[in-house]
Amino acid sequence: MNRNRRPQRTAARGVRGLLVVGALVIVIAATTAAISSTLPSSSSAAPSLTFSDAPAPPRSEDRGVLDETGRVGDGVTVFDDGIPALTNLDPVLLEALRQAATDAASDGVVFVLNSGWRSPEYQDQLLREAISEYGSLDEAARWVATAATSPHVSGDAVDIGHVDATAWLSEHGAEYGLCQIYDNEPWHYELRPEAIEHGCPATYADPTQDPRMQQ
């Protein structure tokens, strides 16, 4: 009879052991889940800034080409100092441009400088490249002036990058005396102080229609 009961007690102890182990497994799993829920995962990391949330790029002369020809590197804004393309502009033009850019920034618009003042040598180089690209001086003249006639060489013109900036200037530029001059160059702006009261003058189709280019 004792022999018959021993296997029953052994089996009972085995069942109890399995129950204990199972309970421990459940506790450990629950604890691990609780700890994991408090740790950041790759999917719950802070989201990166979108373009609209990102602050304007800081001033950085590393982004500009600092030579005396007026070449400009990528990402230069109209607030970057030490850039000859900016510092050699007419001071009144630069002041108006920066005031407009300050106000545009409140609308989330950044004025990127594609070109400003240029040396005569740089202007001649651009004209030669345009002749090579367009096949003739007459066609190139629709886009690039000679060093003798270019308002860039005299420090009286800027080319502003990004469509949102040129769109902003198209709507508000006259308030600062900043006017688009050519229909085919929506990025090209010059100072016309009278525009503040009377609006910008009519544009030319392209530089070949500008009497200043006939000198």
C-alpha atoms as a PDB file:
ATOM      1  CA  MET A   1       0.000   0.000   0.000  1.00  0.00           C
ATOM      2  CA  ASN A   2       2.866   2.319   0.795  1.00  0.00           C
ATOM      3  CA  ARG A   3       4.343   1.471  -2.546  1.00  0.00           C
ATOM      4  CA  ASN A   4       1.097   2.586  -4.181  1.00  0.00           C
ATOM      5  CA  ARG A   5       1.098   6.007  -2.389  1.00  0.00           C
ATOM      6  CA  ARG A   6       4.742   6.976  -3.013  1.00  0.00           C
ATOM      7  CA  PRO A   7       4.287   7.610  -6.730  1.00  0.00           C
ATOM      8  CA  GLN A   8       1.240   9.756  -5.989  1.00  0.00           C
ATOM      9  CA  ARG A   9       3.237  11.963  -3.563  1.00  0.00           C
ATOM     10  CA  THR A  10       6.094  12.187  -6.064  1.00  0.00           C
ATOM     11  CA  ALA A  11       3.698  13.157  -8.820  1.00  0.00           C
ATOM     12  CA  ALA A  12       2.095  15.770  -6.569  1.00  0.00           C
ATOM     13  CA  ARG A  13       5.485  17.250  -5.731  1.00  0.00           C
ATOM     14  CA  GLY A  14       6.285  17.354  -9.467  1.00  0.00           C
ATOM     15  CA  VAL A  15       3.062  19.195 -10.233  1.00  0.00           C
ATOM     16  CA  ARG A  16       3.704  21.684  -7.455  1.00  0.00           C
ATOM     17  CA  GLY A  17       7.220  22.250  -8.800  1.00  0.00           C
ATOM     18  CA  LEU A  18       5.921  22.947 -12.271  1.00  0.00           C
ATOM     19  CA  LEU A  19       3.379  25.384 -10.864  1.00  0.00           C
ATOM     20  CA  VAL A  20       6.113  27.285  -8.986  1.00  0.00           C
ATOM     21  CA  VAL A  21       8.345  27.449 -12.054  1.00  0.00           C
ATOM     22  CA  GLY A  22       5.419  28.617 -14.158  1.00  0.00           C
ATOM     23  CA  ALA A  23       4.577  31.344 -11.659  1.00  0.00           C
ATOM     24  CA  LEU A  24       8.207  32.522 -11.648  1.00  0.00           C
ATOM     25  CA  VAL A  25       8.224  32.678 -15.428  1.00  0.00           C
ATOM     26  CA  ILE A  26       5.061  34.773 -15.393  1.00  0.00           C
ATOM     27  CA  VAL A  27       6.502  37.158 -12.780  1.00  0.00           C
ATOM     28  CA  ILE A  28       9.773  37.537 -14.674  1.00  0.00           C
ATOM     29  CA  ALA A  29       7.939  38.178 -17.952  1.00  0.00           C
ATOM     30  CA  ALA A  30       5.690  40.775 -16.338  1.00  0.00           C
ATOM     31  CA  THR A  31       8.668  42.530 -14.716  1.00  0.00           C
ATOM     32  CA  THR A  32      10.583  42.583 -17.994  1.00  0.00           C
ATOM     33  CA  ALA A  33       7.590  44.034 -19.825  1.00  0.00           C
ATOM     34  CA  ALA A  34       7.173  46.741 -17.197  1.00  0.00           C
ATOM     35  CA  ILE A  35      10.831  47.723 -17.398  1.00  0.00           C
ATOM     36  CA  SER A  36      10.798  47.707 -21.206  1.00  0.00           C
ATOM     37  CA  SER A  37       7.788  50.001 -21.298  1.00  0.00           C
ATOM     38  CA  THR A  38       9.758  52.674 -19.428  1.00  0.00           C
ATOM     39  CA  LEU A  39      12.717  52.575 -21.814  1.00  0.00           C
ATOM     40  CA  PRO A  40      12.739  54.641 -25.032  1.00  0.00           C
ATOM     41  CA  SER A  41      12.693  52.638 -28.205  1.00  0.00           C
ATOM     42  CA  SER A  42      13.870  53.650 -31.660  1.00  0.00           C
ATOM     43  CA  SER A  43      10.267  54.164 -32.730  1.00  0.00           C
ATOM     44  CA  SER A  44       9.460  56.392 -29.730  1.00  0.00           C
ATOM     45  CA  ALA A  45      12.517  58.631 -29.999  1.00  0.00           C
ATOM     46  CA  ALA A  46      11.937  62.364 -30.339  1.00  0.00           C
ATOM     47  CA  PRO A  47      10.944  63.140 -33.921  1.00  0.00           C
ATOM     48  CA  SER A  48      13.390  65.056 -36.069  1.00  0.00           C
ATOM     49  CA  LEU A  49      12.560  68.623 -37.058  1.00  0.00           C
ATOM     50  CA  THR A  50      10.644  69.046 -40.264  1.00  0.00           C
ATOM     51  CA  PHE A  51      11.696  71.718 -42.735  1.00  0.00           C
ATOM     52  CA  SER A  52       9.007  74.085 -41.515  1.00  0.00           C
ATOM     53  CA  ASP A  53      10.036  73.567 -37.873  1.00  0.00           C
ATOM     54  CA  ALA A  54      13.755  73.941 -38.457  1.00  0.00           C
ATOM     55  CA  PRO A  55      15.318  77.262 -37.465  1.00  0.00           C
ATOM     56  CA  ALA A  56      16.965  79.380 -40.112  1.00  0.00           C
ATOM     57  CA  PRO A  57      20.582  78.343 -40.717  1.00  0.00           C
ATOM     58  CA  PRO A  58      23.006  80.323 -38.548  1.00  0.00           C
ATOM     59  CA  ARG A  59      25.483  82.710 -40.047  1.00  0.00           C
ATOM     60  CA  SER A  60      28.521  80.752 -41.103  1.00  0.00           C
ATOM     61  CA  GLU A  61      31.322  81.874 -43.333  1.00  0.00           C
ATOM     62  CA  ASP A  62      32.058  78.192 -43.981  1.00  0.00           C
ATOM     63  CA  ARG A  63      29.004  78.186 -46.256  1.00  0.00           C
ATOM     64  CA  GLY A  64      30.247  81.085 -48.384  1.00  0.00           C
ATOM     65  CA  VAL A  65      33.052  81.360 -50.880  1.00  0.00           C
ATOM     66  CA  LEU A  66      35.207  84.100 -49.419  1.00  0.00           C
ATOM     67  CA  ASP A  67      37.051  85.400 -52.456  1.00  0.00           C
ATOM     68  CA  GLU A  68      37.240  88.839 -53.974  1.00  0.00           C
ATOM     69  CA  THR A  69      35.432  87.952 -57.200  1.00  0.00           C
ATOM     70  CA  GLY A  70      31.945  87.907 -55.694  1.00  0.00           C
ATOM     71  CA  ARG A  71      31.366  84.185 -56.041  1.00  0.00           C
ATOM     72  CA  VAL A  72      28.865  82.874 -53.502  1.00  0.00           C
ATOM     73  CA  GLY A  73      28.683  79.392 -52.036  1.00  0.00           C
ATOM     74  CA  ASP A  74      25.560  77.454 -51.168  1.00  0.00           C
ATOM     75  CA  GLY A  75      23.429  78.529 -48.241  1.00  0.00           C
ATOM     76  CA  VAL A  76      24.636  82.116 -47.816  1.00  0.00           C
ATOM     77  CA  THR A  77      21.893  84.349 -46.446  1.00  0.00           C
ATOM     78  CA  VAL A  78      21.681  88.121 -46.750  1.00  0.00           C
ATOM     79  CA  PHE A  79      22.745  88.344 -43.097  1.00  0.00           C
ATOM     80  CA  ASP A  80      26.089  86.603 -43.516  1.00  0.00           C
ATOM     81  CA  ASP A  81      28.937  89.007 -42.850  1.00  0.00           C
ATOM     82  CA  GLY A  82      32.352  88.944 -44.465  1.00  0.00           C
ATOM     83  CA  ILE A  83      30.998  87.890 -47.866  1.00  0.00           C
ATOM     84  CA  PRO A  84      32.369  90.262 -50.559  1.00  0.00           C
ATOM     85  CA  ALA A  85      29.252  89.688 -52.660  1.00  0.00           C
ATOM     86  CA  LEU A  86      27.328  91.340 -49.804  1.00  0.00           C
ATOM     87  CA  THR A  87      29.783  93.797 -48.285  1.00  0.00           C
ATOM     88  CA  ASN A  88      30.509  95.388 -51.684  1.00  0.00           C
ATOM     89  CA  LEU A  89      26.847  96.056 -52.390  1.00  0.00           C
ATOM     90  CA  ASP A  90      25.486  99.580 -52.244  1.00  0.00           C
ATOM     91  CA  PRO A  91      24.910 100.102 -48.490  1.00  0.00           C
ATOM     92  CA  VAL A  92      21.381 101.421 -48.987  1.00  0.00           C
ATOM     93  CA  LEU A  93      20.465  98.377 -51.061  1.00  0.00           C
ATOM     94  CA  LEU A  94      21.930  96.039 -48.451  1.00  0.00           C
ATOM     95  CA  GLU A  95      20.049  97.798 -45.646  1.00  0.00           C
ATOM     96  CA  ALA A  96      16.748  97.559 -47.541  1.00  0.00           C
ATOM     97  CA  LEU A  97      17.412  93.911 -48.355  1.00  0.00           C
ATOM     98  CA  ARG A  98      18.139  92.998 -44.759  1.00  0.00           C
ATOM     99  CA  GLN A  99      15.102  94.874 -43.488  1.00  0.00           C
ATOM    100  CA  ALA A 100      12.901  93.015 -45.944  1.00  0.00           C
ATOM    101  CA  ALA A 101      14.540  89.715 -44.989  1.00  0.00           C
ATOM    102  CA  THR A 102      13.942  90.424 -41.303  1.00  0.00           C
ATOM    103  CA  ASP A 103      10.243  90.967 -41.918  1.00  0.00           C
ATOM    104  CA  ALA A 104      10.030  87.978 -44.259  1.00  0.00           C
ATOM    105  CA  ALA A 105      11.501  85.755 -41.552  1.00  0.00           C
ATOM    106  CA  SER A 106       8.348  86.276 -39.494  1.00  0.00           C
ATOM    107  CA  ASP A 107       6.520  84.569 -42.366  1.00  0.00           C
ATOM    108  CA  GLY A 108       9.011  81.708 -42.311  1.00  0.00           C
ATOM    109  CA  VAL A 109      10.829  82.916 -45.440  1.00  0.00           C
ATOM    110  CA  VAL A 110      14.629  82.981 -45.685  1.00  0.00           C
ATOM    111  CA  PHE A 111      16.472  85.121 -48.218  1.00  0.00           C
ATOM    112  CA  VAL A 112      19.331  83.091 -49.678  1.00  0.00           C
ATOM    113  CA  LEU A 113      21.851  85.050 -51.720  1.00  0.00           C
ATOM    114  CA  ASN A 114      22.660  83.481 -55.084  1.00  0.00           C
ATOM    115  CA  SER A 115      24.628  86.457 -56.312  1.00  0.00           C
ATOM    116  CA  GLY A 116      25.331  90.042 -55.349  1.00  0.00           C
ATOM    117  CA  TRP A 117      28.310  92.219 -56.171  1.00  0.00           C
ATOM    118  CA  ARG A 118      30.659  90.735 -58.782  1.00  0.00           C
ATOM    119  CA  SER A 119      34.106  91.747 -59.930  1.00  0.00           C
ATOM    120  CA  PRO A 120      34.483  92.732 -63.614  1.00  0.00           C
ATOM    121  CA  GLU A 121      36.620  89.616 -64.145  1.00  0.00           C
ATOM    122  CA  TYR A 122      33.950  87.346 -62.694  1.00  0.00           C
ATOM    123  CA  GLN A 123      31.248  89.052 -64.777  1.00  0.00           C
ATOM    124  CA  ASP A 124      33.302  88.554 -67.955  1.00  0.00           C
ATOM    125  CA  GLN A 125      33.734  84.889 -67.048  1.00  0.00           C
ATOM    126  CA  LEU A 126      29.974  84.472 -66.612  1.00  0.00           C
ATOM    127  CA  LEU A 127      29.372  86.108 -69.993  1.00  0.00           C
ATOM    128  CA  ARG A 128      31.849  83.788 -71.712  1.00  0.00           C
ATOM    129  CA  GLU A 129      30.146  80.793 -70.103  1.00  0.00           C
ATOM    130  CA  ALA A 130      26.732  82.068 -71.213  1.00  0.00           C
ATOM    131  CA  ILE A 131      27.943  82.485 -74.812  1.00  0.00           C
ATOM    132  CA  SER A 132      29.221  78.914 -74.721  1.00  0.00           C
ATOM    133  CA  GLU A 133      25.925  77.675 -73.292  1.00  0.00           C
ATOM    134  CA  TYR A 134      23.511  79.642 -75.487  1.00  0.00           C
ATOM    135  CA  GLY A 135      25.568  79.656 -78.671  1.00  0.00           C
ATOM    136  CA  SER A 136      25.807  83.383 -79.361  1.00  0.00           C
ATOM    137  CA  LEU A 137      26.442  86.723 -77.715  1.00  0.00           C
ATOM    138  CA  ASP A 138      22.972  87.971 -78.636  1.00  0.00           C
ATOM    139  CA  GLU A 139      21.269  85.060 -76.847  1.00  0.00           C
ATOM    140  CA  ALA A 140      23.657  85.175 -73.903  1.00  0.00           C
ATOM    141  CA  ALA A 141      22.889  88.889 -73.484  1.00  0.00           C
ATOM    142  CA  ARG A 142      19.338  87.970 -72.499  1.00  0.00           C
ATOM    143  CA  TRP A 143      20.791  86.554 -69.289  1.00  0.00           C
ATOM    144  CA  VAL A 144      24.223  88.031 -68.623  1.00  0.00           C
ATOM    145  CA  ALA A 145      25.373  91.629 -69.086  1.00  0.00           C
ATOM    146  CA  THR A 146      28.857  92.812 -69.863  1.00  0.00           C
ATOM    147  CA  ALA A 147      31.110  93.974 -67.044  1.00  0.00           C
ATOM    148  CA  ALA A 148      30.672  97.550 -68.272  1.00  0.00           C
ATOM    149  CA  THR A 149      26.878  97.491 -67.952  1.00  0.00           C
ATOM    150  CA  SER A 150      26.090  94.925 -65.242  1.00  0.00           C
ATOM    151  CA  PRO A 151      24.402  96.315 -62.106  1.00  0.00           C
ATOM    152  CA  HIS A 152      26.033  93.445 -60.240  1.00  0.00           C
ATOM    153  CA  VAL A 153      29.481  94.895 -60.953  1.00  0.00           C
ATOM    154  CA  SER A 154      28.381  98.297 -59.667  1.00  0.00           C
ATOM    155  CA  GLY A 155      26.925  96.679 -56.536  1.00  0.00           C
ATOM    156  CA  ASP A 156      23.349  97.611 -57.402  1.00  0.00           C
ATOM    157  CA  ALA A 157      21.716  94.202 -57.882  1.00  0.00           C
ATOM    158  CA  VAL A 158      21.136  90.937 -56.057  1.00  0.00           C
ATOM    159  CA  ASP A 159      19.885  87.537 -57.139  1.00  0.00           C
ATOM    160  CA  ILE A 160      17.746  85.943 -54.432  1.00  0.00           C
ATOM    161  CA  GLY A 161      17.321  82.201 -54.159  1.00  0.00           C
ATOM    162  CA  HIS A 162      14.309  80.020 -53.350  1.00  0.00           C
ATOM    163  CA  VAL A 163      10.889  80.454 -54.882  1.00  0.00           C
ATOM    164  CA  ASP A 164       9.221  81.375 -51.593  1.00  0.00           C
ATOM    165  CA  ALA A 165      11.636  84.303 -51.142  1.00  0.00           C
ATOM    166  CA  THR A 166      11.127  85.686 -54.655  1.00  0.00           C
ATOM    167  CA  ALA A 167       7.372  85.235 -54.268  1.00  0.00           C
ATOM    168  CA  TRP A 168       7.507  87.189 -51.012  1.00  0.00           C
ATOM    169  CA  LEU A 169       9.513  89.962 -52.652  1.00  0.00           C
ATOM    170  CA  SER A 170       7.150  90.049 -55.606  1.00  0.00           C
ATOM    171  CA  GLU A 171       4.335  90.849 -53.181  1.00  0.00           C
ATOM    172  CA  HIS A 172       6.127  93.013 -50.617  1.00  0.00           C
ATOM    173  CA  GLY A 173       9.380  94.201 -52.188  1.00  0.00           C
ATOM    174  CA  ALA A 174       8.081  97.607 -53.273  1.00  0.00           C
ATOM    175  CA  GLU A 175       7.488  98.496 -49.617  1.00  0.00           C
ATOM    176  CA  TYR A 176      11.281  98.450 -49.209  1.00  0.00           C
ATOM    177  CA  GLY A 177      12.118  99.892 -52.614  1.00  0.00           C
ATOM    178  CA  LEU A 178      13.134  96.452 -53.910  1.00  0.00           C
ATOM    179  CA  CYS A 179      11.921  95.740 -57.433  1.00  0.00           C
ATOM    180  CA  GLN A 180      12.119  92.933 -59.954  1.00  0.00           C
ATOM    181  CA  ILE A 181      13.639  94.352 -63.138  1.00  0.00           C
ATOM    182  CA  TYR A 182      13.347  91.603 -65.762  1.00  0.00           C
ATOM    183  CA  ASP A 183      10.471  89.263 -66.563  1.00  0.00           C
ATOM    184  CA  ASN A 184      12.827  86.388 -67.323  1.00  0.00           C
ATOM    185  CA  GLU A 185      14.747  86.811 -64.053  1.00  0.00           C
ATOM    186  CA  PRO A 186      12.309  86.715 -61.124  1.00  0.00           C
ATOM    187  CA  TRP A 187      15.295  86.387 -58.789  1.00  0.00           C
ATOM    188  CA  HIS A 188      16.987  89.664 -59.875  1.00  0.00           C
ATOM    189  CA  TYR A 189      16.202  92.654 -57.635  1.00  0.00           C
ATOM    190  CA  GLU A 190      17.442  96.224 -57.583  1.00  0.00           C
ATOM    191  CA  LEU A 191      16.738  99.233 -55.402  1.00  0.00           C
ATOM    192  CA  ARG A 192      14.152 101.725 -56.618  1.00  0.00           C
ATOM    193  CA  PRO A 193      13.482 104.054 -53.648  1.00  0.00           C
ATOM    194  CA  GLU A 194      10.544 105.742 -55.412  1.00  0.00           C
ATOM    195  CA  ALA A 195       8.735 102.388 -55.377  1.00  0.00           C
ATOM    196  CA  ILE A 196       7.988 102.832 -51.674  1.00  0.00           C
ATOM    197  CA  GLU A 197       5.441 105.524 -52.571  1.00  0.00           C
ATOM    198  CA  HIS A 198       4.661 104.849 -56.205  1.00  0.00           C
ATOM    199  CA  GLY A 199       5.216 101.131 -56.702  1.00  0.00           C
ATOM    200  CA  CYS A 200       7.793  99.404 -58.845  1.00  0.00           C
ATOM    201  CA  PRO A 201       8.210 100.485 -62.479  1.00  0.00           C
ATOM    202  CA  ALA A 202       7.248  98.205 -65.342  1.00  0.00           C
ATOM    203  CA  THR A 203       9.643  95.332 -65.916  1.00  0.00           C
ATOM    204  CA  TYR A 204      11.667  94.672 -69.056  1.00  0.00           C
ATOM    205  CA  ALA A 205      11.220  91.409 -70.913  1.00  0.00           C
ATOM    206  CA  ASP A 206      14.932  90.699 -70.451  1.00  0.00           C
ATOM    207  CA  PRO A 207      18.180  92.674 -70.098  1.00  0.00           C
ATOM    208  CA  THR A 208      18.438  93.326 -73.853  1.00  0.00           C
ATOM    209  CA  GLN A 209      15.383  95.611 -73.490  1.00  0.00           C
ATOM    210  CA  ASP A 210      17.016  97.635 -70.711  1.00  0.00           C
ATOM    211  CA  PRO A 211      18.474 100.928 -72.048  1.00  0.00           C
ATOM    212  CA  ARG A 212      21.322 100.636 -69.561  1.00  0.00           C
ATOM    213  CA  MET A 213      22.541  97.543 -71.386  1.00  0.00           C
ATOM    214  CA  GLN A 214      22.949  99.463 -74.666  1.00  0.00           C
ATOM    215  CA  GLN A 215      25.992 101.427 -73.515  1.00  0.00           C
END
